[in-house]
Structures are given as C-alpha cells and as structure tokens.
Amino acid sequence: MAKYSKKASEEVEKAVREQKKGKLKSGKSGKKVKTKKQAVAIGLSKARKKGAKVPKKKSSKKKSD
C-alpha cells in the first residue's frame, strides 16, 4: 500500500518546482526556501491541509533521565 497519495506527491512536485524557480517562500517569515528538503516539507504540509493521505509528522521525543 502506498505511503503517500497521488495528490500529496503532486503537491510536493509543485513545491520543489517553485523552489527551483526561486519563488517558494516559507510560512510566516516569507523568506525564500533554500533547500529541497524544506520544499518537500512545505509540499507535504500543504497536502496535509488539503486532506491528502500523508503520514503524521514525526514528533520529537523528549529524553527523560
């Protein structure tokens, strides 16, 4: 079974293309996205908001000593 839906992969493709053209900007700050990794994260986030099948974000685990 696919991990991501087709719609999710399309959103990621769009975001990466925008990043290559230098037109993709990050959330609140509005700064240009510099890495492909950031572009993929933004694409997945947009897909999540549109209701596409995307796995949940990995939350950071806190160490307890």
PDB file of N, CA and C in Angstrom:
ATOM      1  N   MET A   1       0.830  -1.192   0.000  1.00  0.00           N
ATOM      2  CA  MET A   1       0.000   0.000   0.000  1.00  0.00           C
ATOM      3  C   MET A   1       0.876   1.258   0.000  1.00  0.00           C
ATOM      4  N   ALA A   2       0.467   2.241  -0.742  1.00  0.00           N
ATOM      5  CA  ALA A   2       1.264   3.467  -0.884  1.00  0.00           C
ATOM      6  C   ALA A   2       1.287   4.267   0.416  1.00  0.00           C
ATOM      7  N   LYS A   3       2.446   4.847   0.675  1.00  0.00           N
ATOM      8  CA  LYS A   3       2.596   5.647   1.886  1.00  0.00           C
ATOM      9  C   LYS A   3       1.974   7.038   1.697  1.00  0.00           C
ATOM     10  N   TYR A   4       2.107   7.581   0.490  1.00  0.00           N
ATOM     11  CA  TYR A   4       1.574   8.902   0.181  1.00  0.00           C
ATOM     12  C   TYR A   4       0.573   8.789  -0.969  1.00  0.00           C
ATOM     13  N   SER A   5      -0.423   9.645  -0.960  1.00  0.00           N
ATOM     14  CA  SER A   5      -1.399   9.635  -2.051  1.00  0.00           C
ATOM     15  C   SER A   5      -0.810  10.343  -3.277  1.00  0.00           C
ATOM     16  N   LYS A   6      -1.476  10.171  -4.401  1.00  0.00           N
ATOM     17  CA  LYS A   6      -1.013  10.808  -5.637  1.00  0.00           C
ATOM     18  C   LYS A   6      -1.083  12.330  -5.491  1.00  0.00           C
ATOM     19  N   LYS A   7      -2.144  12.818  -4.850  1.00  0.00           N
ATOM     20  CA  LYS A   7      -2.325  14.258  -4.642  1.00  0.00           C
ATOM     21  C   LYS A   7      -1.168  14.823  -3.802  1.00  0.00           C
ATOM     22  N   ALA A   8      -0.734  14.063  -2.805  1.00  0.00           N
ATOM     23  CA  ALA A   8       0.375  14.514  -1.960  1.00  0.00           C
ATOM     24  C   ALA A   8       1.653  14.643  -2.778  1.00  0.00           C
ATOM     25  N   SER A   9       1.906  13.660  -3.637  1.00  0.00           N
ATOM     26  CA  SER A   9       3.131  13.728  -4.443  1.00  0.00           C
ATOM     27  C   SER A   9       3.070  14.878  -5.448  1.00  0.00           C
ATOM     28  N   GLU A  10       1.869  15.193  -5.934  1.00  0.00           N
ATOM     29  CA  GLU A  10       1.722  16.329  -6.844  1.00  0.00           C
ATOM     30  C   GLU A  10       2.027  17.644  -6.130  1.00  0.00           C
ATOM     31  N   GLU A  11       1.565  17.766  -4.894  1.00  0.00           N
ATOM     32  CA  GLU A  11       1.839  18.977  -4.093  1.00  0.00           C
ATOM     33  C   GLU A  11       3.337  19.140  -3.865  1.00  0.00           C
ATOM     34  N   VAL A  12       4.001  18.029  -3.571  1.00  0.00           N
ATOM     35  CA  VAL A  12       5.451  18.075  -3.339  1.00  0.00           C
ATOM     36  C   VAL A  12       6.162  18.480  -4.627  1.00  0.00           C
ATOM     37  N   GLU A  13       5.754  17.907  -5.741  1.00  0.00           N
ATOM     38  CA  GLU A  13       6.354  18.265  -7.033  1.00  0.00           C
ATOM     39  C   GLU A  13       6.215  19.757  -7.308  1.00  0.00           C
ATOM     40  N   LYS A  14       5.013  20.291  -7.052  1.00  0.00           N
ATOM     41  CA  LYS A  14       4.762  21.724  -7.264  1.00  0.00           C
ATOM     42  C   LYS A  14       5.699  22.568  -6.410  1.00  0.00           C
ATOM     43  N   ALA A  15       5.818  22.188  -5.136  1.00  0.00           N
ATOM     44  CA  ALA A  15       6.659  22.952  -4.208  1.00  0.00           C
ATOM     45  C   ALA A  15       8.122  22.924  -4.636  1.00  0.00           C
ATOM     46  N   VAL A  16       8.603  21.757  -5.065  1.00  0.00           N
ATOM     47  CA  VAL A  16      10.010  21.636  -5.486  1.00  0.00           C
ATOM     48  C   VAL A  16      10.264  22.460  -6.745  1.00  0.00           C
ATOM     49  N   ARG A  17       9.299  22.452  -7.681  1.00  0.00           N
ATOM     50  CA  ARG A  17       9.442  23.261  -8.899  1.00  0.00           C
ATOM     51  C   ARG A  17       9.517  24.744  -8.560  1.00  0.00           C
ATOM     52  N   GLU A  18       8.630  25.182  -7.647  1.00  0.00           N
ATOM     53  CA  GLU A  18       8.640  26.588  -7.228  1.00  0.00           C
ATOM     54  C   GLU A  18       9.969  26.949  -6.577  1.00  0.00           C
ATOM     55  N   GLN A  19      10.499  26.033  -5.779  1.00  0.00           N
ATOM     56  CA  GLN A  19      11.775  26.274  -5.093  1.00  0.00           C
ATOM     57  C   GLN A  19      12.902  26.419  -6.105  1.00  0.00           C
ATOM     58  N   LYS A  20      12.883  25.584  -7.138  1.00  0.00           N
ATOM     59  CA  LYS A  20      13.920  25.659  -8.179  1.00  0.00           C
ATOM     60  C   LYS A  20      13.871  26.997  -8.915  1.00  0.00           C
ATOM     61  N   LYS A  21      12.656  27.524  -9.112  1.00  0.00           N
ATOM     62  CA  LYS A  21      12.499  28.810  -9.782  1.00  0.00           C
ATOM     63  C   LYS A  21      12.806  29.976  -8.843  1.00  0.00           C
ATOM     64  N   GLY A  22      12.895  29.683  -7.546  1.00  0.00           N
ATOM     65  CA  GLY A  22      13.183  30.721  -6.562  1.00  0.00           C
ATOM     66  C   GLY A  22      11.946  31.477  -6.121  1.00  0.00           C
ATOM     67  N   LYS A  23      10.764  30.867  -6.275  1.00  0.00           N
ATOM     68  CA  LYS A  23       9.524  31.546  -5.937  1.00  0.00           C
ATOM     69  C   LYS A  23       8.848  31.001  -4.684  1.00  0.00           C
ATOM     70  N   LEU A  24       9.358  29.900  -4.140  1.00  0.00           N
ATOM     71  CA  LEU A  24       8.742  29.292  -2.958  1.00  0.00           C
ATOM     72  C   LEU A  24       9.212  30.010  -1.704  1.00  0.00           C
ATOM     73  N   LYS A  25       8.256  30.404  -0.885  1.00  0.00           N
ATOM     74  CA  LYS A  25       8.582  31.100   0.358  1.00  0.00           C
ATOM     75  C   LYS A  25       7.999  30.350   1.545  1.00  0.00           C
ATOM     76  N   SER A  26       8.696  30.453   2.672  1.00  0.00           N
ATOM     77  CA  SER A  26       8.244  29.746   3.863  1.00  0.00           C
ATOM     78  C   SER A  26       7.122  30.508   4.562  1.00  0.00           C
ATOM     79  N   GLY A  27       6.450  29.831   5.454  1.00  0.00           N
ATOM     80  CA  GLY A  27       5.281  30.324   6.185  1.00  0.00           C
ATOM     81  C   GLY A  27       5.236  31.770   6.593  1.00  0.00           C
ATOM     82  N   LYS A  28       5.323  32.025   7.894  1.00  0.00           N
ATOM     83  CA  LYS A  28       5.104  33.369   8.437  1.00  0.00           C
ATOM     84  C   LYS A  28       6.182  34.373   8.027  1.00  0.00           C
ATOM     85  N   SER A  29       7.430  33.920   8.026  1.00  0.00           N
ATOM     86  CA  SER A  29       8.526  34.857   7.744  1.00  0.00           C
ATOM     87  C   SER A  29       8.546  35.305   6.283  1.00  0.00           C
ATOM     88  N   GLY A  30       8.106  34.422   5.392  1.00  0.00           N
ATOM     89  CA  GLY A  30       8.075  34.764   3.970  1.00  0.00           C
ATOM     90  C   GLY A  30       9.445  34.755   3.314  1.00  0.00           C
ATOM     91  N   LYS A  31      10.426  34.125   3.979  1.00  0.00           N
ATOM     92  CA  LYS A  31      11.765  34.039   3.399  1.00  0.00           C
ATOM     93  C   LYS A  31      11.803  32.976   2.311  1.00  0.00           C
ATOM     94  N   LYS A  32      12.709  33.149   1.348  1.00  0.00           N
ATOM     95  CA  LYS A  32      12.847  32.169   0.270  1.00  0.00           C
ATOM     96  C   LYS A  32      13.357  30.849   0.833  1.00  0.00           C
ATOM     97  N   VAL A  33      12.821  29.775   0.300  1.00  0.00           N
ATOM     98  CA  VAL A  33      13.247  28.433   0.700  1.00  0.00           C
ATOM     99  C   VAL A  33      14.519  28.102  -0.063  1.00  0.00           C
ATOM    100  N   LYS A  34      15.533  27.630   0.657  1.00  0.00           N
ATOM    101  CA  LYS A  34      16.839  27.402   0.027  1.00  0.00           C
ATOM    102  C   LYS A  34      17.128  25.938  -0.284  1.00  0.00           C
ATOM    103  N   THR A  35      16.535  25.011   0.455  1.00  0.00           N
ATOM    104  CA  THR A  35      16.871  23.605   0.239  1.00  0.00           C
ATOM    105  C   THR A  35      15.681  22.804  -0.269  1.00  0.00           C
ATOM    106  N   LYS A  36      16.013  21.715  -0.949  1.00  0.00           N
ATOM    107  CA  LYS A  36      14.988  20.816  -1.479  1.00  0.00           C
ATOM    108  C   LYS A  36      14.217  20.172  -0.326  1.00  0.00           C
ATOM    109  N   LYS A  37      14.923  19.893   0.755  1.00  0.00           N
ATOM    110  CA  LYS A  37      14.305  19.257   1.924  1.00  0.00           C
ATOM    111  C   LYS A  37      13.187  20.139   2.498  1.00  0.00           C
ATOM    112  N   GLN A  38      13.437  21.444   2.562  1.00  0.00           N
ATOM    113  CA  GLN A  38      12.417  22.380   3.044  1.00  0.00           C
ATOM    114  C   GLN A  38      11.226  22.404   2.088  1.00  0.00           C
ATOM    115  N   ALA A  39      11.514  22.364   0.789  1.00  0.00           N
ATOM    116  CA  ALA A  39      10.455  22.400  -0.220  1.00  0.00           C
ATOM    117  C   ALA A  39       9.551  21.174  -0.094  1.00  0.00           C
ATOM    118  N   VAL A  40      10.150  20.017   0.135  1.00  0.00           N
ATOM    119  CA  VAL A  40       9.382  18.785   0.304  1.00  0.00           C
ATOM    120  C   VAL A  40       8.501  18.889   1.544  1.00  0.00           C
ATOM    121  N   ALA A  41       9.054  19.414   2.622  1.00  0.00           N
ATOM    122  CA  ALA A  41       8.290  19.564   3.866  1.00  0.00           C
ATOM    123  C   ALA A  41       7.094  20.498   3.667  1.00  0.00           C
ATOM    124  N   ILE A  42       7.296  21.570   2.933  1.00  0.00           N
ATOM    125  CA  ILE A  42       6.207  22.516   2.665  1.00  0.00           C
ATOM    126  C   ILE A  42       5.139  21.859   1.793  1.00  0.00           C
ATOM    127  N   GLY A  43       5.564  21.102   0.781  1.00  0.00           N
ATOM    128  CA  GLY A  43       4.631  20.393  -0.088  1.00  0.00           C
ATOM    129  C   GLY A  43       3.779  19.403   0.685  1.00  0.00           C
ATOM    130  N   LEU A  44       4.403  18.653   1.592  1.00  0.00           N
ATOM    131  CA  LEU A  44       3.660  17.681   2.402  1.00  0.00           C
ATOM    132  C   LEU A  44       2.698  18.382   3.343  1.00  0.00           C
ATOM    133  N   SER A  45       3.123  19.495   3.883  1.00  0.00           N
ATOM    134  CA  SER A  45       2.275  20.267   4.785  1.00  0.00           C
ATOM    135  C   SER A  45       1.021  20.777   4.061  1.00  0.00           C
ATOM    136  N   LYS A  46       1.229  21.291   2.851  1.00  0.00           N
ATOM    137  CA  LYS A  46       0.091  21.776   2.044  1.00  0.00           C
ATOM    138  C   LYS A  46      -0.856  20.626   1.709  1.00  0.00           C
ATOM    139  N   ALA A  47      -0.292  19.468   1.375  1.00  0.00           N
ATOM    140  CA  ALA A  47      -1.109  18.298   1.054  1.00  0.00           C
ATOM    141  C   ALA A  47      -1.922  17.861   2.272  1.00  0.00           C
ATOM    142  N   ARG A  48      -1.289  17.908   3.436  1.00  0.00           N
ATOM    143  CA  ARG A  48      -1.964  17.549   4.689  1.00  0.00           C
ATOM    144  C   ARG A  48      -3.174  18.454   4.922  1.00  0.00           C
ATOM    145  N   LYS A  49      -2.979  19.753   4.680  1.00  0.00           N
ATOM    146  CA  LYS A  49      -4.051  20.728   4.874  1.00  0.00           C
ATOM    147  C   LYS A  49      -5.209  20.496   3.904  1.00  0.00           C
ATOM    148  N   LYS A  50      -4.881  19.998   2.697  1.00  0.00           N
ATOM    149  CA  LYS A  50      -5.920  19.742   1.695  1.00  0.00           C
ATOM    150  C   LYS A  50      -6.604  18.392   1.904  1.00  0.00           C
ATOM    151  N   GLY A  51      -6.123  17.634   2.881  1.00  0.00           N
ATOM    152  CA  GLY A  51      -6.756  16.358   3.208  1.00  0.00           C
ATOM    153  C   GLY A  51      -6.222  15.156   2.455  1.00  0.00           C
ATOM    154  N   ALA A  52      -5.057  15.285   1.844  1.00  0.00           N
ATOM    155  CA  ALA A  52      -4.458  14.158   1.123  1.00  0.00           C
ATOM    156  C   ALA A  52      -3.902  13.146   2.125  1.00  0.00           C
ATOM    157  N   LYS A  53      -3.707  11.922   1.656  1.00  0.00           N
ATOM    158  CA  LYS A  53      -3.193  10.867   2.523  1.00  0.00           C
ATOM    159  C   LYS A  53      -1.682  11.042   2.708  1.00  0.00           C
ATOM    160  N   VAL A  54      -1.330  11.527   3.889  1.00  0.00           N
ATOM    161  CA  VAL A  54       0.068  11.771   4.231  1.00  0.00           C
ATOM    162  C   VAL A  54       0.264  11.304   5.664  1.00  0.00           C
ATOM    163  N   PRO A  55       1.333  10.546   5.946  1.00  0.00           N
ATOM    164  CA  PRO A  55       1.569  10.114   7.323  1.00  0.00           C
ATOM    165  C   PRO A  55       1.744  11.310   8.258  1.00  0.00           C
ATOM    166  N   LYS A  56       1.467  11.101   9.543  1.00  0.00           N
ATOM    167  CA  LYS A  56       1.595  12.175  10.520  1.00  0.00           C
ATOM    168  C   LYS A  56       3.037  12.618  10.636  1.00  0.00           C
ATOM    169  N   LYS A  57       3.214  13.869  11.089  1.00  0.00           N
ATOM    170  CA  LYS A  57       4.556  14.388  11.328  1.00  0.00           C
ATOM    171  C   LYS A  57       5.198  13.589  12.442  1.00  0.00           C
ATOM    172  N   LYS A  58       6.501  13.397  12.365  1.00  0.00           N
ATOM    173  CA  LYS A  58       7.215  12.729  13.450  1.00  0.00           C
ATOM    174  C   LYS A  58       7.452  13.758  14.534  1.00  0.00           C
ATOM    175  N   SER A  59       6.982  13.464  15.723  1.00  0.00           N
ATOM    176  CA  SER A  59       7.190  14.409  16.816  1.00  0.00           C
ATOM    177  C   SER A  59       8.506  14.089  17.503  1.00  0.00           C
ATOM    178  N   SER A  60       9.142  15.112  18.007  1.00  0.00           N
ATOM    179  CA  SER A  60      10.414  14.901  18.681  1.00  0.00           C
ATOM    180  C   SER A  60      10.150  14.308  20.056  1.00  0.00           C
ATOM    181  N   LYS A  61      10.911  13.308  20.380  1.00  0.00           N
ATOM    182  CA  LYS A  61      10.749  12.620  21.674  1.00  0.00           C
ATOM    183  C   LYS A  61      11.671  13.270  22.688  1.00  0.00           C
ATOM    184  N   LYS A  62      11.120  13.575  23.846  1.00  0.00           N
ATOM    185  CA  LYS A  62      11.940  14.168  24.904  1.00  0.00           C
ATOM    186  C   LYS A  62      12.582  13.084  25.735  1.00  0.00           C
ATOM    187  N   LYS A  63      13.850  13.298  26.074  1.00  0.00           N
ATOM    188  CA  LYS A  63      14.557  12.333  26.925  1.00  0.00           C
ATOM    189  C   LYS A  63      14.168  12.531  28.370  1.00  0.00           C
ATOM    190  N   SER A  64      13.965  11.454  29.058  1.00  0.00           N
ATOM    191  CA  SER A  64      13.713  11.567  30.493  1.00  0.00           C
ATOM    192  C   SER A  64      14.741  10.716  31.223  1.00  0.00           C
ATOM    193  N   ASP A  65      15.606  11.379  31.960  1.00  0.00           N
ATOM    194  CA  ASP A  65      16.673  10.669  32.673  1.00  0.00           C
ATOM    195  C   ASP A  65      16.325  10.507  34.123  1.00  0.00           C
TER     196      ASP A  65
END
